[in-house]
């Protein structure tokens, strides 16, 4: 297994430049020995080291194979010198005039995506429409009988093309008995295909600040999540209603709480959820945690462990409640994602880890270093 986590900026610019230069020096002889191609297809980049070869965008006056998609993007934008790009639902445009910007949305597919070749079909349909597909998240079933799920960002050169492409994807999904729906914030809950036995999980998000939007977007990618976003300010909830529609339940809730009535409402909301995500100011995490422990509900916060929160450790353990606070990059996210990989590889005796390497960021003082091991 090999595990890498993007590291936080932890070096001075001079140190970073020296490090990059030292890494690049090893490739200089091969670059110097490689002659510039005389024409299209006459280059010798195949003899370059893989990191350099993969960075070559153009060769002999033409794009290399890995970057041919740029030509398609230029064509879609009407920047390839033609009088018209692919069909965007508009008339011919004068030379050089930009086409309508590409439009995109996210689809969630659930079913036997590989046996039915549904992902291949979606990619083929998008290519025929001069569009693009990006897989943002995929969960593969553990056995042949288990369903898989995937979130795909589907892009097209214009609204008309995207509508036609969606119609083709819907038809292909119905034929393959695959469930598909939009998760781009559309109010319409468009679904086709057979219903899957996906367990429903209720998640309560407290707070509706700027960072909650991406969190909601991420949670909605997970199948079966029933999401409620609560805030003391009704105006903060309006963007969530407009963006996510019926996929998110919004409610006004005071977590301070300012009165016995407000406290009862907060307790009832926590009681109704399986997981509470507290995105309110850190000062309110502990009272919310106490209510979560009393009702045996797991909780996640975005703040580091305070003394008051740490004092709840024994009480939470006794109640069988997990409270995850901000864990940082390393060892937090590094260790958690590392163990996820190891557990996945060894689940059910399927595999054995013979060697494990992990790369992650970490700060170090002058002349010193710091490191952590997955074993703790």
Protein backbone atom coordinates (compact mmCIF):
# COMPACT_ATOMS: atom_id res chain seq x y z
CA UNK A 1 0.00 0.00 0.00
CA UNK A 2 1.14 3.53 -0.71
CA UNK A 3 -0.60 6.46 0.95
CA UNK A 4 -0.09 10.15 0.25
CA UNK A 5 -1.82 13.19 1.79
CA UNK A 6 -1.42 16.73 0.47
CA UNK A 7 0.70 18.55 3.00
CA UNK A 8 0.20 22.00 4.40
CA UNK A 9 2.68 24.74 3.47
CA UNK A 10 5.40 24.19 6.04
CA UNK A 11 8.56 25.37 4.28
CA UNK A 12 10.02 28.79 3.64
CA UNK A 13 10.04 29.81 -0.06
CA UNK A 14 13.83 29.42 -0.29
CA UNK A 15 13.67 25.93 1.19
CA UNK A 16 10.88 24.97 -1.19
CA UNK A 17 12.80 26.32 -4.21
CA UNK A 18 15.95 24.47 -3.23
CA UNK A 19 14.01 21.26 -2.73
CA UNK A 20 12.29 21.58 -6.10
CA UNK A 21 15.62 22.36 -7.79
CA UNK A 22 17.31 19.36 -6.22
CA UNK A 23 14.47 17.10 -7.41
CA UNK A 24 14.64 18.52 -10.92
CA UNK A 25 18.42 18.14 -11.27
CA UNK A 26 18.16 14.38 -11.71
CA UNK A 27 16.04 14.86 -14.83
CA UNK A 28 18.22 17.49 -16.55
CA UNK A 29 20.55 15.03 -18.40
CA UNK A 30 17.60 13.20 -19.96
CA UNK A 31 15.95 16.46 -21.02
CA UNK A 32 19.17 17.78 -22.58
CA UNK A 33 19.74 14.50 -24.43
CA UNK A 34 16.24 14.60 -25.89
CA UNK A 35 16.21 16.40 -29.24
CA UNK A 36 13.36 18.71 -30.15
CA UNK A 37 11.02 17.01 -32.67
CA UNK A 38 11.31 18.11 -36.28
CA UNK A 39 7.61 17.70 -36.90
CA UNK A 40 4.33 16.31 -35.67
CA UNK A 41 4.74 12.74 -34.43
CA UNK A 42 8.52 12.82 -34.78
CA UNK A 43 9.35 13.47 -31.14
CA UNK A 44 11.16 11.12 -28.79
CA UNK A 45 9.41 11.96 -25.53
CA UNK A 46 8.91 8.23 -25.00
CA UNK A 47 12.55 8.11 -23.85
CA UNK A 48 12.04 10.80 -21.19
CA UNK A 49 11.51 9.87 -17.53
CA UNK A 50 7.78 9.38 -16.80
CA UNK A 51 7.40 12.54 -14.62
CA UNK A 52 8.80 14.69 -17.44
CA UNK A 53 7.06 12.83 -20.25
CA UNK A 54 3.72 13.28 -18.54
CA UNK A 55 4.28 17.04 -18.34
CA UNK A 56 4.92 17.51 -22.09
CA UNK A 57 1.84 19.31 -23.41
CA UNK A 58 2.86 19.92 -27.02
CA UNK A 59 5.35 18.24 -29.33
CA UNK A 60 6.27 19.01 -32.92
CA UNK A 61 3.58 21.66 -33.20
CA UNK A 62 0.74 19.48 -31.94
CA UNK A 63 -0.75 18.40 -28.61
CA UNK A 64 0.51 15.17 -27.10
CA UNK A 65 -1.93 12.32 -26.58
CA UNK A 66 -2.56 13.04 -22.89
CA UNK A 67 -3.53 16.63 -23.67
CA UNK A 68 -5.67 16.14 -26.78
CA UNK A 69 -8.69 17.04 -24.62
CA UNK A 70 -7.56 20.68 -24.89
CA UNK A 71 -8.52 20.61 -28.56
CA UNK A 72 -11.99 19.39 -27.65
CA UNK A 73 -12.35 22.13 -25.04
CA UNK A 74 -11.28 24.79 -27.56
CA UNK A 75 -13.76 23.41 -30.06
CA UNK A 76 -16.53 23.48 -27.49
CA UNK A 77 -15.69 27.12 -26.75
CA UNK A 78 -15.50 28.12 -30.42
CA UNK A 79 -11.80 28.95 -30.11
CA UNK A 80 -10.51 26.49 -32.72
CA UNK A 81 -10.97 28.82 -35.69
CA UNK A 82 -14.22 27.27 -36.88
CA UNK A 83 -17.31 29.39 -37.44
CA UNK A 84 -19.30 27.30 -35.00
CA UNK A 85 -18.49 25.00 -32.18
CA UNK A 86 -20.54 21.94 -31.38
CA UNK A 87 -24.26 22.52 -31.03
CA UNK A 88 -25.03 24.82 -28.13
CA UNK A 89 -28.50 25.64 -29.33
CA UNK A 90 -27.39 28.93 -30.92
CA UNK A 91 -26.82 30.18 -34.47
CA UNK A 92 -23.43 30.44 -36.18
CA UNK A 93 -21.14 32.94 -34.53
CA UNK A 94 -18.54 35.27 -36.04
CA UNK A 95 -14.96 34.02 -35.99
CA UNK A 96 -13.36 34.25 -32.54
CA UNK A 97 -16.58 34.88 -30.61
CA UNK A 98 -16.81 32.72 -27.50
CA UNK A 99 -19.54 30.11 -27.28
CA UNK A 100 -21.87 29.87 -24.34
CA UNK A 101 -19.97 28.64 -21.27
CA UNK A 102 -20.16 24.89 -20.59
CA UNK A 103 -22.85 23.78 -18.18
CA UNK A 104 -22.63 20.89 -15.78
CA UNK A 105 -24.42 19.04 -13.02
CA UNK A 106 -23.82 16.09 -10.74
CA UNK A 107 -25.52 12.73 -11.13
CA UNK A 108 -25.67 9.91 -8.59
CA UNK A 109 -25.74 6.38 -10.03
CA UNK A 110 -26.61 3.33 -7.94
CA UNK A 111 -26.71 -0.24 -9.10
CA UNK A 112 -24.47 -2.78 -10.80
CA UNK A 113 -22.46 -0.09 -12.59
CA UNK A 114 -19.67 -2.35 -13.84
CA UNK A 115 -21.62 -5.49 -14.79
CA UNK A 116 -23.98 -3.34 -16.87
CA UNK A 117 -21.12 -1.14 -18.16
CA UNK A 118 -23.23 1.85 -17.14
CA UNK A 119 -20.24 4.08 -16.36
CA UNK A 120 -18.75 3.26 -19.77
CA UNK A 121 -22.08 4.08 -21.39
CA UNK A 122 -22.31 7.47 -19.67
CA UNK A 123 -18.75 8.33 -20.75
CA UNK A 124 -19.46 7.25 -24.35
CA UNK A 125 -22.65 9.31 -24.49
CA UNK A 126 -20.83 12.36 -23.10
CA UNK A 127 -18.02 11.98 -25.63
CA UNK A 128 -20.50 11.75 -28.51
CA UNK A 129 -22.07 14.99 -27.25
CA UNK A 130 -18.64 16.66 -27.02
CA UNK A 131 -19.09 16.74 -23.26
CA UNK A 132 -17.04 15.54 -20.34
CA UNK A 133 -17.49 13.24 -17.35
CA UNK A 134 -15.57 13.44 -14.09
CA UNK A 135 -15.98 10.81 -11.35
CA UNK A 136 -15.99 12.70 -8.04
CA UNK A 137 -16.81 9.79 -5.75
CA UNK A 138 -17.30 6.05 -6.13
CA UNK A 139 -18.20 3.28 -3.68
CA UNK A 140 -17.76 -0.25 -5.03
CA UNK A 141 -19.84 -3.11 -3.64
CA UNK A 142 -17.85 -5.66 -1.67
CA UNK A 143 -19.45 -8.67 -3.37
CA UNK A 144 -20.90 -9.43 -6.80
CA UNK A 145 -24.43 -9.06 -5.45
CA UNK A 146 -23.79 -5.69 -3.76
CA UNK A 147 -24.69 -2.49 -5.58
CA UNK A 148 -22.14 0.22 -6.27
CA UNK A 149 -22.70 3.97 -6.28
CA UNK A 150 -20.91 6.79 -8.05
CA UNK A 151 -21.18 10.57 -8.30
CA UNK A 152 -20.40 11.91 -11.75
CA UNK A 153 -20.01 15.54 -12.81
CA UNK A 154 -21.42 15.65 -16.35
CA UNK A 155 -20.56 18.67 -18.48
CA UNK A 156 -21.75 19.73 -21.92
CA UNK A 157 -21.06 22.73 -24.19
CA UNK A 158 -24.52 24.21 -23.68
CA UNK A 159 -27.90 23.79 -21.95
CA UNK A 160 -29.58 22.24 -25.00
CA UNK A 161 -26.84 19.65 -25.40
CA UNK A 162 -26.89 18.86 -21.68
CA UNK A 163 -30.66 18.28 -21.71
CA UNK A 164 -30.35 15.89 -24.66
CA UNK A 165 -27.43 14.11 -22.99
CA UNK A 166 -29.40 13.68 -19.75
CA UNK A 167 -32.29 12.16 -21.67
CA UNK A 168 -29.93 9.59 -23.19
CA UNK A 169 -28.39 8.80 -19.79
CA UNK A 170 -31.85 8.38 -18.25
CA UNK A 171 -32.85 5.96 -21.01
CA UNK A 172 -29.64 3.95 -20.63
CA UNK A 173 -30.10 3.79 -16.85
CA UNK A 174 -33.66 2.51 -17.19
CA UNK A 175 -32.49 -0.19 -19.61
CA UNK A 176 -29.69 -1.24 -17.23
CA UNK A 177 -31.95 -1.16 -14.12
CA UNK A 178 -29.66 1.45 -12.58
CA UNK A 179 -30.98 4.20 -10.34
CA UNK A 180 -29.91 7.72 -11.30
CA UNK A 181 -30.77 11.09 -9.86
CA UNK A 182 -29.53 14.64 -9.93
CA UNK A 183 -27.64 15.85 -6.88
CA UNK A 184 -26.73 19.27 -8.18
CA UNK A 185 -29.18 21.15 -6.01
CA UNK A 186 -32.09 20.83 -8.41
CA UNK A 187 -35.51 20.94 -6.75
CA UNK A 188 -36.58 18.02 -8.89
CA UNK A 189 -35.95 14.62 -7.39
CA UNK A 190 -35.48 12.88 -10.72
CA UNK A 191 -35.02 9.15 -10.35
CA UNK A 192 -35.26 6.17 -12.67
CA UNK A 193 -34.45 2.51 -12.37
CA UNK A 194 -35.14 0.11 -9.59
CA UNK A 195 -35.05 1.20 -5.95
CA UNK A 196 -32.05 -0.08 -4.02
CA UNK A 197 -31.99 -1.26 -0.45
CA UNK A 198 -29.92 1.63 0.90
CA UNK A 199 -30.10 2.22 4.68
CA UNK A 200 -31.40 5.65 5.60
CA UNK A 201 -29.26 7.72 7.94
CA UNK A 202 -30.44 10.94 9.57
CA UNK A 203 -27.79 13.65 9.91
CA UNK A 204 -28.35 16.95 11.73
CA UNK A 205 -26.04 19.83 10.82
CA UNK A 206 -26.12 22.69 13.32
CA UNK A 207 -25.11 25.99 11.76
CA UNK A 208 -25.48 27.45 8.27
CA UNK A 209 -22.30 29.47 7.78
CA UNK A 210 -20.09 29.63 4.70
CA UNK A 211 -18.31 26.32 5.38
CA UNK A 212 -21.58 24.40 5.72
CA UNK A 213 -22.39 24.58 1.99
CA UNK A 214 -19.47 22.34 0.90
CA UNK A 215 -20.21 20.01 3.84
CA UNK A 216 -23.84 19.59 2.74
CA UNK A 217 -22.72 19.02 -0.84
CA UNK A 218 -20.36 16.27 0.34
CA UNK A 219 -22.91 14.59 2.61
CA UNK A 220 -25.49 14.48 -0.17
CA UNK A 221 -23.10 12.43 -2.28
CA UNK A 222 -23.51 9.59 0.19
CA UNK A 223 -26.49 7.35 -0.60
CA UNK A 224 -29.28 7.23 1.95
CA UNK A 225 -28.43 10.42 3.86
CA UNK A 226 -31.46 12.33 5.17
CA UNK A 227 -30.06 15.76 5.97
CA UNK A 228 -31.37 18.54 8.20
CA UNK A 229 -29.63 21.92 8.41
CA UNK A 230 -30.54 24.08 11.40
CA UNK A 231 -29.72 27.69 12.18
CA UNK A 232 -30.99 30.35 14.56
CA UNK A 233 -31.29 32.76 11.60
CA UNK A 234 -33.96 31.92 9.04
CA UNK A 235 -32.22 34.07 6.41
CA UNK A 236 -29.15 31.82 6.56
CA UNK A 237 -31.27 28.84 5.53
CA UNK A 238 -32.70 30.40 2.36
CA UNK A 239 -29.61 29.68 0.19
CA UNK A 240 -29.79 26.00 1.19
CA UNK A 241 -33.46 25.81 0.21
CA UNK A 242 -32.74 27.41 -3.16
CA UNK A 243 -29.63 25.35 -3.87
CA UNK A 244 -30.61 21.91 -2.58
CA UNK A 245 -34.39 22.02 -2.63
CA UNK A 246 -36.15 19.02 -1.19
CA UNK A 247 -32.95 17.09 -0.56
CA UNK A 248 -32.30 19.17 2.57
CA UNK A 249 -34.72 19.89 5.38
CA UNK A 250 -34.16 23.33 6.87
CA UNK A 251 -35.37 24.41 10.29
CA UNK A 252 -34.86 27.35 12.62
CA UNK A 253 -33.25 26.18 15.85
CA UNK A 254 -31.67 28.01 18.76
CA UNK A 255 -28.75 26.02 20.17
CA UNK A 256 -27.80 28.53 22.87
CA UNK A 257 -30.48 27.69 24.18
CA UNK A 258 -32.13 30.91 25.29
CA UNK A 259 -35.19 29.36 26.93
CA UNK A 260 -36.62 26.08 28.16
CA UNK A 261 -38.69 25.85 24.99
CA UNK A 262 -35.62 26.38 22.79
CA UNK A 263 -33.69 23.76 24.75
CA UNK A 264 -36.51 21.24 24.35
CA UNK A 265 -36.60 21.86 20.59
CA UNK A 266 -32.84 21.37 20.34
CA UNK A 267 -33.00 18.15 22.36
CA UNK A 268 -35.80 16.83 20.14
CA UNK A 269 -33.81 17.58 16.98
CA UNK A 270 -30.78 15.73 18.35
CA UNK A 271 -33.00 12.83 19.45
CA UNK A 272 -34.32 12.52 15.89
CA UNK A 273 -30.85 12.29 14.32
CA UNK A 274 -28.28 9.51 14.23
CA UNK A 275 -25.36 11.90 13.81
CA UNK A 276 -24.97 15.52 14.89
CA UNK A 277 -22.47 17.76 13.11
CA UNK A 278 -21.84 20.94 15.07
CA UNK A 279 -20.66 23.81 12.86
CA UNK A 280 -21.65 26.54 15.32
CA UNK A 281 -19.08 28.60 17.29
CA UNK A 282 -16.85 26.47 19.51
CA UNK A 283 -18.37 27.86 22.73
CA UNK A 284 -21.61 25.94 22.02
CA UNK A 285 -20.02 22.54 21.27
CA UNK A 286 -19.94 21.33 24.88
CA UNK A 287 -23.65 21.94 25.68
CA UNK A 288 -24.57 20.24 22.42
CA UNK A 289 -22.23 17.35 23.23
CA UNK A 290 -23.91 16.88 26.62
CA UNK A 291 -27.31 16.61 24.93
CA UNK A 292 -25.88 14.19 22.36
CA UNK A 293 -24.42 11.98 25.09
CA UNK A 294 -27.68 11.95 27.04
CA UNK A 295 -29.52 10.78 23.92
CA UNK A 296 -26.73 8.45 22.78
CA UNK A 297 -26.14 10.25 19.50
CA UNK A 298 -22.73 10.46 17.85
CA UNK A 299 -21.30 13.90 17.19
CA UNK A 300 -18.69 15.61 15.02
CA UNK A 301 -17.32 19.13 15.50
CA UNK A 302 -14.93 21.33 13.55
CA UNK A 303 -13.00 22.57 16.59
CA UNK A 304 -10.04 21.18 18.49
CA UNK A 305 -10.60 19.44 21.83
CA UNK A 306 -11.07 21.91 24.67
CA UNK A 307 -10.62 21.12 28.35
CA UNK A 308 -14.38 21.07 28.85
CA UNK A 309 -14.87 18.70 25.92
CA UNK A 310 -12.12 16.40 27.15
CA UNK A 311 -13.86 16.22 30.53
CA UNK A 312 -16.80 14.51 28.79
CA UNK A 313 -14.63 11.60 27.62
CA UNK A 314 -15.59 9.09 30.33
CA UNK A 315 -19.28 10.01 30.12
CA UNK A 316 -19.28 9.60 26.32
CA UNK A 317 -17.55 6.21 26.53
CA UNK A 318 -20.01 4.99 29.13
CA UNK A 319 -22.88 5.95 26.80
CA UNK A 320 -21.21 4.35 23.79
CA UNK A 321 -21.06 7.70 22.02
CA UNK A 322 -18.30 8.72 19.63
CA UNK A 323 -17.43 12.44 19.56
CA UNK A 324 -14.93 13.39 16.87
CA UNK A 325 -13.38 16.82 17.10
CA UNK A 326 -10.94 18.57 14.76
CA UNK A 327 -8.07 16.09 14.40
CA UNK A 328 -5.74 18.06 12.13
CA UNK A 329 -3.85 16.81 9.10
CA UNK A 330 -1.10 14.71 10.63
CA UNK A 331 -1.59 12.51 12.57
CA UNK A 332 -5.38 13.06 12.27
CA UNK A 333 -6.51 12.82 8.64
CA UNK A 334 -3.29 10.95 7.76
CA UNK A 335 -3.95 8.15 10.27
CA UNK A 336 -7.69 7.90 9.66
CA UNK A 337 -7.35 7.59 5.89
CA UNK A 338 -4.40 5.21 6.31
CA UNK A 339 -6.41 2.86 8.51
CA UNK A 340 -9.31 3.05 6.08
CA UNK A 341 -7.00 1.76 3.34
CA UNK A 342 -5.60 -1.00 5.56
CA UNK A 343 -9.02 -2.16 6.74
CA UNK A 344 -10.34 -2.20 3.18
CA UNK A 345 -7.35 -4.26 1.98
CA UNK A 346 -7.60 -6.81 4.80
CA UNK A 347 -11.40 -7.04 5.19
CA UNK A 348 -12.65 -10.62 5.28
CA UNK A 349 -9.15 -12.01 4.98
CA UNK A 350 -8.94 -10.88 1.36
CA UNK A 351 -5.45 -9.46 1.61
CA UNK A 352 -2.38 -9.04 3.76
CA UNK A 353 -0.39 -5.84 4.06
CA UNK A 354 3.30 -6.66 3.60
CA UNK A 355 4.52 -3.07 3.52
CA UNK A 356 2.99 0.32 4.14
CA UNK A 357 4.40 3.73 3.24
CA UNK A 358 2.80 7.05 4.02
CA UNK A 359 3.70 10.55 2.91
CA UNK A 360 2.15 13.49 4.69
CA UNK A 361 3.03 17.04 5.68
CA UNK A 362 4.46 18.05 8.99
CA UNK A 363 6.35 20.97 10.43
CA UNK A 364 9.87 20.65 11.76
CA UNK A 365 12.04 23.00 13.73
CA UNK A 366 15.52 24.03 12.67
CA UNK A 367 17.75 20.97 12.54
CA UNK A 368 14.95 18.74 13.86
CA UNK A 369 12.06 16.66 12.62
CA UNK A 370 8.78 15.21 13.73
CA UNK A 371 6.89 12.14 12.66
CA UNK A 372 4.10 9.78 13.65
CA UNK A 373 3.41 6.12 12.97
CA UNK A 374 -0.02 4.58 12.19
CA UNK A 375 0.41 2.27 15.19
CA UNK A 376 0.31 5.30 17.49
